[in-house]
Amino acid sequence: MKHTRKLQVIGLIALFIVIVSAGVPVNDKPKNLKVLPKNISEKELDRVMDNFQLALNVDCNFCHVKNKATQAMEYEKDDKPEKEITRNMMRMTNAINKTYFTLDKKADPNAIQAVTCATCHRGKPRPELDSLIRPN
């Protein structure tokens, strides 16, 4: 009986170690954020990325690269020029909204931006000039 109890305890300890070691890495915060806030929540970051996907009709690999060996996404890397283009577009959009529209994010954190990625992209990875400027 005592032997069985010891095996159960050892088994539970082993199970606990396996569960803890398979958990989320301790330092799993987003890295290399240059425009988005460094303390952005995972939920908010996912929402921003989902908006990019919808506005441009692209997948993560449009801006981000995969590790060749593991095929895991390496979001922190700046290997693709599209990522820096996106950062510049975010800066431009933020400046337009701040300069020309009075959206008080402090008063209303859910305020919708007047200009977004979709304003120009309209579901395409690169805006089409014909859809933005109509000749007279």
Protein backbone atom coordinates (compact mmCIF):
# COMPACT_ATOMS: atom_id res chain seq x y z
CA MET A 1 0.00 0.00 0.00
CA LYS A 2 2.81 2.42 0.94
CA HIS A 3 4.67 1.54 -2.24
CA THR A 4 1.59 2.36 -4.38
CA ARG A 5 1.16 5.71 -2.60
CA LYS A 6 4.81 6.63 -3.26
CA LEU A 7 4.40 5.79 -6.94
CA GLN A 8 1.28 7.96 -7.12
CA VAL A 9 3.09 10.92 -5.54
CA ILE A 10 6.10 10.47 -7.84
CA GLY A 11 3.74 10.21 -10.81
CA LEU A 12 1.95 13.42 -9.82
CA ILE A 13 5.25 15.26 -9.38
CA ALA A 14 6.43 14.04 -12.80
CA LEU A 15 3.13 15.10 -14.37
CA PHE A 16 3.42 18.53 -12.75
CA ILE A 17 6.97 18.96 -14.12
CA VAL A 18 5.85 17.98 -17.62
CA ILE A 19 2.90 20.40 -17.53
CA VAL A 20 5.02 23.29 -16.24
CA SER A 21 7.83 22.70 -18.74
CA ALA A 22 5.35 22.52 -21.63
CA GLY A 23 3.71 25.80 -20.64
CA VAL A 24 4.05 29.25 -22.17
CA PRO A 25 7.61 30.61 -22.18
CA VAL A 26 8.24 33.14 -19.42
CA ASN A 27 9.36 35.94 -21.77
CA ASP A 28 6.67 35.62 -24.45
CA LYS A 29 6.03 39.36 -24.89
CA PRO A 30 6.11 40.83 -28.40
CA LYS A 31 9.58 41.93 -29.45
CA ASN A 32 10.80 44.65 -31.81
CA LEU A 33 7.70 46.87 -31.57
CA LYS A 34 8.57 50.25 -33.09
CA VAL A 35 5.16 51.86 -33.63
CA LEU A 36 2.75 49.87 -31.48
CA PRO A 37 2.99 50.36 -27.71
CA LYS A 38 5.55 48.10 -26.04
CA ASN A 39 2.99 47.16 -23.37
CA ILE A 40 0.27 46.18 -25.85
CA SER A 41 -1.77 43.19 -24.73
CA GLU A 42 -1.75 39.99 -26.75
CA LYS A 43 -5.47 40.45 -27.42
CA GLU A 44 -5.01 44.01 -28.71
CA LEU A 45 -2.01 43.01 -30.85
CA ASP A 46 -4.05 40.18 -32.38
CA ARG A 47 -6.85 42.67 -33.11
CA VAL A 48 -4.43 45.04 -34.88
CA MET A 49 -2.95 42.20 -36.94
CA ASP A 50 -6.44 40.88 -37.80
CA ASN A 51 -7.35 44.37 -39.04
CA PHE A 52 -4.25 44.40 -41.27
CA GLN A 53 -5.23 41.01 -42.67
CA LEU A 54 -8.75 42.20 -43.48
CA ALA A 55 -7.77 45.60 -44.86
CA LEU A 56 -5.05 44.19 -47.14
CA ASN A 57 -6.39 40.66 -47.70
CA VAL A 58 -3.04 39.12 -46.70
CA ASP A 59 -1.70 36.49 -44.30
CA CYS A 60 0.96 36.89 -41.61
CA ASN A 61 3.72 35.85 -44.02
CA PHE A 62 3.10 39.01 -46.09
CA CYS A 63 5.15 40.96 -43.51
CA HIS A 64 6.62 38.24 -41.29
CA VAL A 65 9.07 35.42 -41.99
CA LYS A 66 9.17 31.78 -40.95
CA ASN A 67 12.15 30.05 -39.47
CA LYS A 68 13.43 27.81 -42.27
CA ALA A 69 14.25 24.92 -39.95
CA THR A 70 11.20 24.91 -37.68
CA GLN A 71 8.66 26.71 -39.92
CA ALA A 72 7.64 28.76 -36.85
CA MET A 73 6.78 32.41 -37.45
CA GLU A 74 9.52 34.81 -36.35
CA TYR A 75 7.46 37.95 -35.83
CA GLU A 76 10.33 39.99 -34.36
CA LYS A 77 12.51 39.83 -37.49
CA ASP A 78 12.64 42.70 -39.99
CA ASP A 79 13.66 40.58 -42.98
CA LYS A 80 10.82 41.71 -45.27
CA PRO A 81 10.52 45.31 -46.53
CA GLU A 82 6.73 45.10 -46.17
CA LYS A 83 7.12 45.24 -42.40
CA GLU A 84 8.88 48.63 -42.48
CA ILE A 85 6.43 49.88 -45.11
CA THR A 86 3.61 48.92 -42.73
CA ARG A 87 5.28 50.82 -39.88
CA ASN A 88 5.55 53.91 -42.09
CA MET A 89 1.91 53.54 -43.13
CA MET A 90 0.90 53.31 -39.47
CA ARG A 91 2.87 56.49 -38.68
CA MET A 92 1.24 58.27 -41.61
CA THR A 93 -2.28 57.12 -40.68
CA ASN A 94 -1.75 58.12 -37.04
CA ALA A 95 -0.49 61.56 -38.11
CA ILE A 96 -3.45 62.11 -40.46
CA ASN A 97 -5.95 61.13 -37.78
CA LYS A 98 -4.24 63.27 -35.13
CA THR A 99 -3.87 66.31 -37.38
CA TYR A 100 -7.21 66.35 -39.16
CA PHE A 101 -9.64 64.52 -36.90
CA THR A 102 -10.48 65.17 -33.26
CA LEU A 103 -10.86 61.67 -31.93
CA ASP A 104 -10.43 61.66 -28.19
CA LYS A 105 -9.14 58.15 -27.41
CA LYS A 106 -8.96 59.00 -23.69
CA ALA A 107 -12.63 59.97 -23.56
CA ASP A 108 -13.65 57.10 -25.84
CA PRO A 109 -11.08 54.28 -26.10
CA ASN A 110 -13.29 52.59 -28.71
CA ALA A 111 -13.35 55.65 -30.99
CA ILE A 112 -13.00 54.62 -34.62
CA GLN A 113 -10.21 56.19 -36.62
CA ALA A 114 -11.33 58.31 -39.55
CA VAL A 115 -8.52 56.98 -41.76
CA THR A 116 -7.53 53.31 -41.60
CA CYS A 117 -5.56 50.89 -43.76
CA ALA A 118 -8.80 49.94 -45.51
CA THR A 119 -9.38 53.57 -46.56
CA CYS A 120 -6.79 53.18 -49.32
CA HIS A 121 -6.10 49.47 -49.54
CA ARG A 122 -9.72 48.34 -49.85
CA GLY A 123 -8.83 44.67 -49.43
CA LYS A 124 -5.72 44.73 -51.64
CA PRO A 125 -2.08 44.36 -50.57
CA ARG A 126 -1.16 47.47 -52.57
CA PRO A 127 -3.61 50.34 -53.11
CA GLU A 128 -4.76 50.72 -56.68
CA LEU A 129 -4.32 54.27 -57.91
CA ASP A 130 -7.46 54.13 -60.10
CA SER A 131 -9.64 53.43 -57.08
CA LEU A 132 -8.15 56.35 -55.13
CA ILE A 133 -8.01 59.12 -57.73
CA ARG A 134 -10.77 59.64 -60.26
CA PRO A 135 -9.78 61.79 -63.23
CA ASN A 136 -12.13 64.69 -64.11
